[in-house]
């Protein structure tokens, strides 16, 4: 784990655990440190912080520090960076990430859970941000 990732995890009260020792994680625990490192390297500390805050600072999602969910949130925030803020976090209070993950896993033969979750998030969030300009991806 990098020092930057360790600092972010301490700040957001996230504990990195070894999934070989236990398959059950408690809220705020994650075994997806490689995912966090990759997002940190590709998008920077501020972006990773917003991804993790989207999980840790909302209701009932603290167990969803898993790779497909983190990637999905990262994808949505890369496409719509202006969406992050109070309205975003309030919306995430009403989104059950575990449910979205379960739905996405049912179709994983056709589409990666990461992409299915991102699509479901956009469907739920877009009506809240309809008046905001959208980022253009190259």
Protein backbone atom coordinates (compact mmCIF):
# COMPACT_ATOMS: atom_id res chain seq x y z
CA UNK A 1 0.00 0.00 0.00
CA UNK A 2 1.27 3.47 -0.84
CA UNK A 3 1.60 6.23 1.73
CA UNK A 4 -1.04 8.28 -0.09
CA UNK A 5 -3.52 5.42 0.03
CA UNK A 6 -2.73 4.76 3.69
CA UNK A 7 -3.40 8.43 4.48
CA UNK A 8 -6.73 8.40 2.62
CA UNK A 9 -7.77 5.19 4.36
CA UNK A 10 -6.96 6.64 7.79
CA UNK A 11 -8.85 9.85 6.93
CA UNK A 12 -11.97 7.95 5.82
CA UNK A 13 -11.69 5.21 8.47
CA UNK A 14 -11.16 2.41 5.97
CA UNK A 15 -9.29 -0.71 7.00
CA UNK A 16 -7.55 -2.85 4.39
CA UNK A 17 -7.96 -6.54 5.24
CA UNK A 18 -6.61 -9.74 3.74
CA UNK A 19 -9.50 -11.68 2.23
CA UNK A 20 -7.52 -14.92 2.56
CA UNK A 21 -7.97 -14.73 6.33
CA UNK A 22 -11.71 -14.05 6.34
CA UNK A 23 -14.36 -13.83 3.66
CA UNK A 24 -16.67 -11.67 5.77
CA UNK A 25 -15.83 -8.00 5.92
CA UNK A 26 -17.17 -5.51 8.41
CA UNK A 27 -18.38 -2.04 7.42
CA UNK A 28 -15.39 0.09 6.48
CA UNK A 29 -13.19 -2.87 5.59
CA UNK A 30 -11.93 -3.65 2.11
CA UNK A 31 -9.66 -6.17 0.46
CA UNK A 32 -9.65 -4.16 -2.80
CA UNK A 33 -6.47 -2.23 -2.11
CA UNK A 34 -5.14 -2.93 -5.63
CA UNK A 35 -8.26 -1.28 -7.07
CA UNK A 36 -7.75 1.74 -4.84
CA UNK A 37 -4.09 1.98 -5.85
CA UNK A 38 -4.98 1.81 -9.56
CA UNK A 39 -7.67 4.51 -9.22
CA UNK A 40 -5.21 6.63 -7.22
CA UNK A 41 -2.49 6.23 -9.88
CA UNK A 42 -4.83 6.86 -12.82
CA UNK A 43 -7.06 9.61 -11.44
CA UNK A 44 -5.31 11.09 -8.39
CA UNK A 45 -5.97 11.37 -4.67
CA UNK A 46 -8.88 13.80 -4.93
CA UNK A 47 -10.77 11.50 -7.27
CA UNK A 48 -10.14 8.41 -5.13
CA UNK A 49 -11.27 10.35 -2.08
CA UNK A 50 -14.60 11.21 -3.78
CA UNK A 51 -15.11 7.58 -4.80
CA UNK A 52 -14.50 6.35 -1.26
CA UNK A 53 -16.55 9.14 0.32
CA UNK A 54 -19.45 8.11 -1.91
CA UNK A 55 -19.41 4.77 -0.10
CA UNK A 56 -18.24 5.65 3.39
CA UNK A 57 -20.19 8.86 4.00
CA UNK A 58 -23.58 7.54 2.94
CA UNK A 59 -26.15 5.32 4.61
CA UNK A 60 -25.88 1.53 4.57
CA UNK A 61 -23.11 1.27 1.95
CA UNK A 62 -20.00 0.92 4.11
CA UNK A 63 -19.72 -2.81 3.30
CA UNK A 64 -19.50 -2.07 -0.42
CA UNK A 65 -15.81 -1.20 -0.58
CA UNK A 66 -15.43 -3.77 -3.36
CA UNK A 67 -13.72 -3.45 -6.72
CA UNK A 68 -16.75 -3.41 -9.08
CA UNK A 69 -18.54 -0.78 -6.99
CA UNK A 70 -15.46 1.43 -6.65
CA UNK A 71 -14.75 1.18 -10.39
CA UNK A 72 -18.39 1.98 -11.24
CA UNK A 73 -18.44 5.07 -9.03
CA UNK A 74 -15.08 6.14 -10.46
CA UNK A 75 -16.40 5.75 -14.01
CA UNK A 76 -19.49 7.83 -13.26
CA UNK A 77 -17.43 10.56 -11.57
CA UNK A 78 -14.97 10.66 -14.48
CA UNK A 79 -17.86 11.21 -16.87
CA UNK A 80 -19.72 13.61 -14.60
CA UNK A 81 -17.22 15.27 -12.24
CA UNK A 82 -19.55 18.19 -11.47
CA UNK A 83 -22.10 15.83 -9.94
CA UNK A 84 -20.09 15.24 -6.76
CA UNK A 85 -21.26 17.27 -3.77
CA UNK A 86 -24.09 17.44 -1.27
CA UNK A 87 -26.78 16.32 -3.74
CA UNK A 88 -24.63 13.38 -4.83
CA UNK A 89 -24.11 12.22 -1.24
CA UNK A 90 -27.81 12.68 -0.42
CA UNK A 91 -28.69 10.58 -3.46
CA UNK A 92 -26.24 7.88 -2.38
CA UNK A 93 -28.00 7.75 1.00
CA UNK A 94 -30.98 6.34 -0.93
CA UNK A 95 -29.02 4.03 -3.24
CA UNK A 96 -28.43 0.47 -2.03
CA UNK A 97 -25.07 -0.41 -3.58
CA UNK A 98 -25.37 -4.03 -2.39
CA UNK A 99 -28.61 -4.37 -4.33
CA UNK A 100 -27.06 -2.87 -7.47
CA UNK A 101 -24.11 -5.25 -7.13
CA UNK A 102 -26.44 -8.25 -6.74
CA UNK A 103 -28.40 -7.24 -9.85
CA UNK A 104 -25.18 -6.70 -11.81
CA UNK A 105 -23.80 -10.11 -10.86
CA UNK A 106 -26.87 -11.80 -12.38
CA UNK A 107 -25.85 -10.61 -15.85
CA UNK A 108 -22.09 -10.85 -15.56
CA UNK A 109 -21.90 -13.25 -18.52
CA UNK A 110 -23.10 -10.41 -20.75
CA UNK A 111 -21.64 -7.31 -19.08
CA UNK A 112 -19.04 -6.73 -16.37
CA UNK A 113 -20.61 -5.80 -13.01
CA UNK A 114 -18.55 -2.58 -13.02
CA UNK A 115 -20.30 -1.37 -16.16
CA UNK A 116 -23.76 -2.56 -15.15
CA UNK A 117 -23.46 -0.79 -11.78
CA UNK A 118 -22.22 2.40 -13.46
CA UNK A 119 -25.21 2.33 -15.82
CA UNK A 120 -27.67 1.83 -12.95
CA UNK A 121 -26.04 4.68 -11.02
CA UNK A 122 -26.32 7.02 -13.98
CA UNK A 123 -30.00 6.09 -14.41
CA UNK A 124 -30.66 7.02 -10.78
CA UNK A 125 -28.48 10.14 -10.64
CA UNK A 126 -29.02 11.82 -14.00
CA UNK A 127 -32.49 13.24 -13.12
CA UNK A 128 -30.92 15.09 -10.18
CA UNK A 129 -28.29 16.77 -12.34
CA UNK A 130 -30.15 17.31 -15.60
CA UNK A 131 -29.31 21.04 -15.71
CA UNK A 132 -25.57 20.61 -15.17
CA UNK A 133 -23.10 20.52 -18.06
CA UNK A 134 -21.60 17.14 -18.79
CA UNK A 135 -17.90 16.39 -19.20
CA UNK A 136 -16.77 15.17 -22.59
CA UNK A 137 -14.68 12.03 -22.67
CA UNK A 138 -12.12 11.73 -25.42
